[in-house]
Amino acid sequence: MSKTLTMLGLIVALVMLAIFAADAFVGWPFRGYSMAMDYGFIAAALLLGYMSISTFRELP
């Protein structure tokens, strides 16, 4: 069950990264409303992805 949750965290991180990177570079879906918020969410997605991968590797 715990490996499933870490994979779910990785999927959420990838979805966040795709959405906010698209908004930062193309202006879709939020029309580039706040670039600082886009970069903040991109950093959060990368951090969540890193934590998911490192936790997945530690689990038996």
PDB file of N, CA and C in Angstrom:
ATOM      1  N   MET A   1       0.814  -1.195   0.000  1.00  0.00           N
ATOM      2  CA  MET A   1       0.000   0.000   0.000  1.00  0.00           C
ATOM      3  C   MET A   1       0.861   1.264   0.000  1.00  0.00           C
ATOM      4  N   SER A   2       1.975   1.231   0.738  1.00  0.00           N
ATOM      5  CA  SER A   2       2.797   2.433   0.818  1.00  0.00           C
ATOM      6  C   SER A   2       3.497   2.744  -0.510  1.00  0.00           C
ATOM      7  N   LYS A   3       3.869   1.696  -1.270  1.00  0.00           N
ATOM      8  CA  LYS A   3       4.472   1.949  -2.585  1.00  0.00           C
ATOM      9  C   LYS A   3       3.448   2.561  -3.533  1.00  0.00           C
ATOM     10  N   THR A   4       2.196   2.160  -3.372  1.00  0.00           N
ATOM     11  CA  THR A   4       1.133   2.730  -4.203  1.00  0.00           C
ATOM     12  C   THR A   4       0.980   4.215  -3.928  1.00  0.00           C
ATOM     13  N   LEU A   5       1.048   4.595  -2.665  1.00  0.00           N
ATOM     14  CA  LEU A   5       0.900   6.001  -2.317  1.00  0.00           C
ATOM     15  C   LEU A   5       2.085   6.836  -2.796  1.00  0.00           C
ATOM     16  N   THR A   6       3.280   6.262  -2.772  1.00  0.00           N
ATOM     17  CA  THR A   6       4.424   7.022  -3.291  1.00  0.00           C
ATOM     18  C   THR A   6       4.329   7.198  -4.803  1.00  0.00           C
ATOM     19  N   MET A   7       3.811   6.186  -5.498  1.00  0.00           N
ATOM     20  CA  MET A   7       3.611   6.326  -6.944  1.00  0.00           C
ATOM     21  C   MET A   7       2.516   7.351  -7.237  1.00  0.00           C
ATOM     22  N   LEU A   8       1.492   7.388  -6.400  1.00  0.00           N
ATOM     23  CA  LEU A   8       0.445   8.390  -6.558  1.00  0.00           C
ATOM     24  C   LEU A   8       1.022   9.799  -6.359  1.00  0.00           C
ATOM     25  N   GLY A   9       1.916   9.955  -5.391  1.00  0.00           N
ATOM     26  CA  GLY A   9       2.586  11.240  -5.195  1.00  0.00           C
ATOM     27  C   GLY A   9       3.405  11.644  -6.402  1.00  0.00           C
ATOM     28  N   LEU A  10       4.065  10.683  -7.022  1.00  0.00           N
ATOM     29  CA  LEU A  10       4.846  10.967  -8.228  1.00  0.00           C
ATOM     30  C   LEU A  10       3.946  11.371  -9.393  1.00  0.00           C
ATOM     31  N   ILE A  11       2.805  10.718  -9.531  1.00  0.00           N
ATOM     32  CA  ILE A  11       1.857  11.072 -10.590  1.00  0.00           C
ATOM     33  C   ILE A  11       1.315  12.478 -10.375  1.00  0.00           C
ATOM     34  N   VAL A  12       0.986  12.812  -9.128  1.00  0.00           N
ATOM     35  CA  VAL A  12       0.506  14.163  -8.813  1.00  0.00           C
ATOM     36  C   VAL A  12       1.586  15.193  -9.131  1.00  0.00           C
ATOM     37  N   ALA A  13       2.830  14.885  -8.807  1.00  0.00           N
ATOM     38  CA  ALA A  13       3.935  15.799  -9.101  1.00  0.00           C
ATOM     39  C   ALA A  13       4.088  16.017 -10.603  1.00  0.00           C
ATOM     40  N   LEU A  14       3.964  14.954 -11.387  1.00  0.00           N
ATOM     41  CA  LEU A  14       4.086  15.089 -12.844  1.00  0.00           C
ATOM     42  C   LEU A  14       2.940  15.900 -13.436  1.00  0.00           C
ATOM     43  N   VAL A  15       1.737  15.702 -12.915  1.00  0.00           N
ATOM     44  CA  VAL A  15       0.589  16.482 -13.399  1.00  0.00           C
ATOM     45  C   VAL A  15       0.764  17.957 -13.047  1.00  0.00           C
ATOM     46  N   MET A  16       1.188  18.234 -11.804  1.00  0.00           N
ATOM     47  CA  MET A  16       1.436  19.623 -11.406  1.00  0.00           C
ATOM     48  C   MET A  16       2.508  20.261 -12.273  1.00  0.00           C
ATOM     49  N   LEU A  17       3.578  19.513 -12.512  1.00  0.00           N
ATOM     50  CA  LEU A  17       4.674  20.044 -13.328  1.00  0.00           C
ATOM     51  C   LEU A  17       4.195  20.351 -14.737  1.00  0.00           C
ATOM     52  N   ALA A  18       3.408  19.463 -15.321  1.00  0.00           N
ATOM     53  CA  ALA A  18       2.921  19.684 -16.682  1.00  0.00           C
ATOM     54  C   ALA A  18       2.002  20.898 -16.756  1.00  0.00           C
ATOM     55  N   ILE A  19       1.094  21.030 -15.811  1.00  0.00           N
ATOM     56  CA  ILE A  19       0.131  22.135 -15.844  1.00  0.00           C
ATOM     57  C   ILE A  19       0.823  23.478 -15.651  1.00  0.00           C
ATOM     58  N   PHE A  20       1.673  23.581 -14.633  1.00  0.00           N
ATOM     59  CA  PHE A  20       2.262  24.884 -14.343  1.00  0.00           C
ATOM     60  C   PHE A  20       3.419  25.229 -15.268  1.00  0.00           C
ATOM     61  N   ALA A  21       4.101  24.242 -15.822  1.00  0.00           N
ATOM     62  CA  ALA A  21       5.114  24.544 -16.843  1.00  0.00           C
ATOM     63  C   ALA A  21       4.438  25.023 -18.119  1.00  0.00           C
ATOM     64  N   ALA A  22       3.309  24.415 -18.462  1.00  0.00           N
ATOM     65  CA  ALA A  22       2.571  24.880 -19.644  1.00  0.00           C
ATOM     66  C   ALA A  22       2.083  26.307 -19.444  1.00  0.00           C
ATOM     67  N   ASP A  23       1.638  26.634 -18.244  1.00  0.00           N
ATOM     68  CA  ASP A  23       1.174  27.993 -17.984  1.00  0.00           C
ATOM     69  C   ASP A  23       2.333  28.983 -18.008  1.00  0.00           C
ATOM     70  N   ALA A  24       3.484  28.580 -17.489  1.00  0.00           N
ATOM     71  CA  ALA A  24       4.626  29.493 -17.450  1.00  0.00           C
ATOM     72  C   ALA A  24       5.185  29.767 -18.840  1.00  0.00           C
ATOM     73  N   PHE A  25       5.214  28.754 -19.698  1.00  0.00           N
ATOM     74  CA  PHE A  25       5.881  28.914 -20.988  1.00  0.00           C
ATOM     75  C   PHE A  25       4.935  29.193 -22.148  1.00  0.00           C
ATOM     76  N   VAL A  26       3.695  28.740 -22.066  1.00  0.00           N
ATOM     77  CA  VAL A  26       2.762  28.913 -23.175  1.00  0.00           C
ATOM     78  C   VAL A  26       1.610  29.844 -22.804  1.00  0.00           C
ATOM     79  N   GLY A  27       1.293  29.902 -21.518  1.00  0.00           N
ATOM     80  CA  GLY A  27       0.181  30.744 -21.095  1.00  0.00           C
ATOM     81  C   GLY A  27      -1.144  30.014 -21.046  1.00  0.00           C
ATOM     82  N   TRP A  28      -1.084  28.702 -21.061  1.00  0.00           N
ATOM     83  CA  TRP A  28      -2.297  27.909 -20.977  1.00  0.00           C
ATOM     84  C   TRP A  28      -2.207  27.038 -19.749  1.00  0.00           C
ATOM     85  N   PRO A  29      -3.103  26.823 -18.910  1.00  0.00           N
ATOM     86  CA  PRO A  29      -4.535  27.115 -18.910  1.00  0.00           C
ATOM     87  C   PRO A  29      -4.908  28.357 -18.123  1.00  0.00           C
ATOM     88  N   PHE A  30      -3.970  28.983 -17.410  1.00  0.00           N
ATOM     89  CA  PHE A  30      -4.316  30.125 -16.558  1.00  0.00           C
ATOM     90  C   PHE A  30      -3.927  31.463 -17.165  1.00  0.00           C
ATOM     91  N   ARG A  31      -3.539  31.475 -18.410  1.00  0.00           N
ATOM     92  CA  ARG A  31      -3.160  32.679 -19.163  1.00  0.00           C
ATOM     93  C   ARG A  31      -1.985  33.440 -18.536  1.00  0.00           C
ATOM     94  N   GLY A  32      -1.086  32.713 -17.870  1.00  0.00           N
ATOM     95  CA  GLY A  32       0.101  33.343 -17.304  1.00  0.00           C
ATOM     96  C   GLY A  32      -0.212  34.400 -16.273  1.00  0.00           C
ATOM     97  N   TYR A  33      -1.216  34.174 -15.450  1.00  0.00           N
ATOM     98  CA  TYR A  33      -1.684  35.183 -14.500  1.00  0.00           C
ATOM     99  C   TYR A  33      -0.585  35.614 -13.539  1.00  0.00           C
ATOM    100  N   SER A  34       0.138  34.661 -12.962  1.00  0.00           N
ATOM    101  CA  SER A  34       1.194  34.995 -12.013  1.00  0.00           C
ATOM    102  C   SER A  34       2.394  34.096 -12.272  1.00  0.00           C
ATOM    103  N   MET A  35       3.451  34.671 -12.796  1.00  0.00           N
ATOM    104  CA  MET A  35       4.642  33.893 -13.100  1.00  0.00           C
ATOM    105  C   MET A  35       5.321  33.410 -11.822  1.00  0.00           C
ATOM    106  N   ALA A  36       5.293  34.216 -10.761  1.00  0.00           N
ATOM    107  CA  ALA A  36       5.905  33.800  -9.500  1.00  0.00           C
ATOM    108  C   ALA A  36       5.194  32.570  -8.939  1.00  0.00           C
ATOM    109  N   MET A  37       3.887  32.542  -9.044  1.00  0.00           N
ATOM    110  CA  MET A  37       3.132  31.395  -8.558  1.00  0.00           C
ATOM    111  C   MET A  37       3.413  30.167  -9.436  1.00  0.00           C
ATOM    112  N   ASP A  38       3.552  30.367 -10.738  1.00  0.00           N
ATOM    113  CA  ASP A  38       3.892  29.251 -11.622  1.00  0.00           C
ATOM    114  C   ASP A  38       5.230  28.638 -11.233  1.00  0.00           C
ATOM    115  N   TYR A  39       6.233  29.475 -11.043  1.00  0.00           N
ATOM    116  CA  TYR A  39       7.545  28.965 -10.680  1.00  0.00           C
ATOM    117  C   TYR A  39       7.544  28.344  -9.289  1.00  0.00           C
ATOM    118  N   GLY A  40       6.756  28.874  -8.379  1.00  0.00           N
ATOM    119  CA  GLY A  40       6.630  28.280  -7.054  1.00  0.00           C
ATOM    120  C   GLY A  40       6.015  26.895  -7.110  1.00  0.00           C
ATOM    121  N   PHE A  41       4.969  26.728  -7.920  1.00  0.00           N
ATOM    122  CA  PHE A  41       4.353  25.417  -8.054  1.00  0.00           C
ATOM    123  C   PHE A  41       5.236  24.441  -8.819  1.00  0.00           C
ATOM    124  N   ILE A  42       6.029  24.940  -9.757  1.00  0.00           N
ATOM    125  CA  ILE A  42       6.982  24.069 -10.446  1.00  0.00           C
ATOM    126  C   ILE A  42       8.024  23.556  -9.451  1.00  0.00           C
ATOM    127  N   ALA A  43       8.520  24.443  -8.598  1.00  0.00           N
ATOM    128  CA  ALA A  43       9.480  24.025  -7.573  1.00  0.00           C
ATOM    129  C   ALA A  43       8.844  23.028  -6.605  1.00  0.00           C
ATOM    130  N   ALA A  44       7.586  23.255  -6.224  1.00  0.00           N
ATOM    131  CA  ALA A  44       6.896  22.323  -5.330  1.00  0.00           C
ATOM    132  C   ALA A  44       6.699  20.964  -5.992  1.00  0.00           C
ATOM    133  N   ALA A  45       6.394  20.953  -7.286  1.00  0.00           N
ATOM    134  CA  ALA A  45       6.218  19.696  -8.008  1.00  0.00           C
ATOM    135  C   ALA A  45       7.537  18.935  -8.095  1.00  0.00           C
ATOM    136  N   LEU A  46       8.622  19.640  -8.343  1.00  0.00           N
ATOM    137  CA  LEU A  46       9.925  18.978  -8.394  1.00  0.00           C
ATOM    138  C   LEU A  46      10.316  18.417  -7.033  1.00  0.00           C
ATOM    139  N   LEU A  47      10.037  19.156  -5.968  1.00  0.00           N
ATOM    140  CA  LEU A  47      10.327  18.677  -4.624  1.00  0.00           C
ATOM    141  C   LEU A  47       9.479  17.451  -4.280  1.00  0.00           C
ATOM    142  N   LEU A  48       8.201  17.486  -4.606  1.00  0.00           N
ATOM    143  CA  LEU A  48       7.332  16.339  -4.361  1.00  0.00           C
ATOM    144  C   LEU A  48       7.783  15.129  -5.160  1.00  0.00           C
ATOM    145  N   GLY A  49       8.196  15.333  -6.405  1.00  0.00           N
ATOM    146  CA  GLY A  49       8.704  14.230  -7.218  1.00  0.00           C
ATOM    147  C   GLY A  49       9.967  13.630  -6.635  1.00  0.00           C
ATOM    148  N   TYR A  50      10.863  14.475  -6.169  1.00  0.00           N
ATOM    149  CA  TYR A  50      12.095  13.983  -5.543  1.00  0.00           C
ATOM    150  C   TYR A  50      11.784  13.183  -4.288  1.00  0.00           C
ATOM    151  N   MET A  51      10.909  13.698  -3.448  1.00  0.00           N
ATOM    152  CA  MET A  51      10.562  12.989  -2.216  1.00  0.00           C
ATOM    153  C   MET A  51       9.862  11.666  -2.513  1.00  0.00           C
ATOM    154  N   SER A  52       9.036  11.631  -3.540  1.00  0.00           N
ATOM    155  CA  SER A  52       8.355  10.386  -3.897  1.00  0.00           C
ATOM    156  C   SER A  52       9.338   9.341  -4.379  1.00  0.00           C
ATOM    157  N   ILE A  53      10.268   9.742  -5.219  1.00  0.00           N
ATOM    158  CA  ILE A  53      11.237   8.789  -5.748  1.00  0.00           C
ATOM    159  C   ILE A  53      12.162   8.281  -4.645  1.00  0.00           C
ATOM    160  N   SER A  54      12.644   9.181  -3.779  1.00  0.00           N
ATOM    161  CA  SER A  54      13.558   8.737  -2.721  1.00  0.00           C
ATOM    162  C   SER A  54      12.842   7.845  -1.712  1.00  0.00           C
ATOM    163  N   THR A  55      11.587   8.126  -1.414  1.00  0.00           N
ATOM    164  CA  THR A  55      10.824   7.255  -0.506  1.00  0.00           C
ATOM    165  C   THR A  55      10.543   5.916  -1.156  1.00  0.00           C
ATOM    166  N   PHE A  56      10.231   5.905  -2.446  1.00  0.00           N
ATOM    167  CA  PHE A  56       9.972   4.653  -3.153  1.00  0.00           C
ATOM    168  C   PHE A  56      11.201   3.745  -3.116  1.00  0.00           C
ATOM    169  N   ARG A  57      12.379   4.331  -3.247  1.00  0.00           N
ATOM    170  CA  ARG A  57      13.612   3.532  -3.241  1.00  0.00           C
ATOM    171  C   ARG A  57      13.912   2.941  -1.855  1.00  0.00           C
ATOM    172  N   GLU A  58      13.483   3.630  -0.795  1.00  0.00           N
ATOM    173  CA  GLU A  58      13.770   3.157   0.558  1.00  0.00           C
ATOM    174  C   GLU A  58      12.823   2.047   1.014  1.00  0.00           C
ATOM    175  N   LEU A  59      11.647   1.948   0.416  1.00  0.00           N
ATOM    176  CA  LEU A  59      10.681   0.952   0.860  1.00  0.00           C
ATOM    177  C   LEU A  59      11.082  -0.440   0.400  1.00  0.00           C
ATOM    178  N   PRO A  60      10.774  -1.453   1.231  1.00  0.00           N
ATOM    179  CA  PRO A  60      11.137  -2.822   0.852  1.00  0.00           C
ATOM    180  C   PRO A  60      10.277  -3.369  -0.269  1.00  0.00           C
TER     181      PRO A  60
END
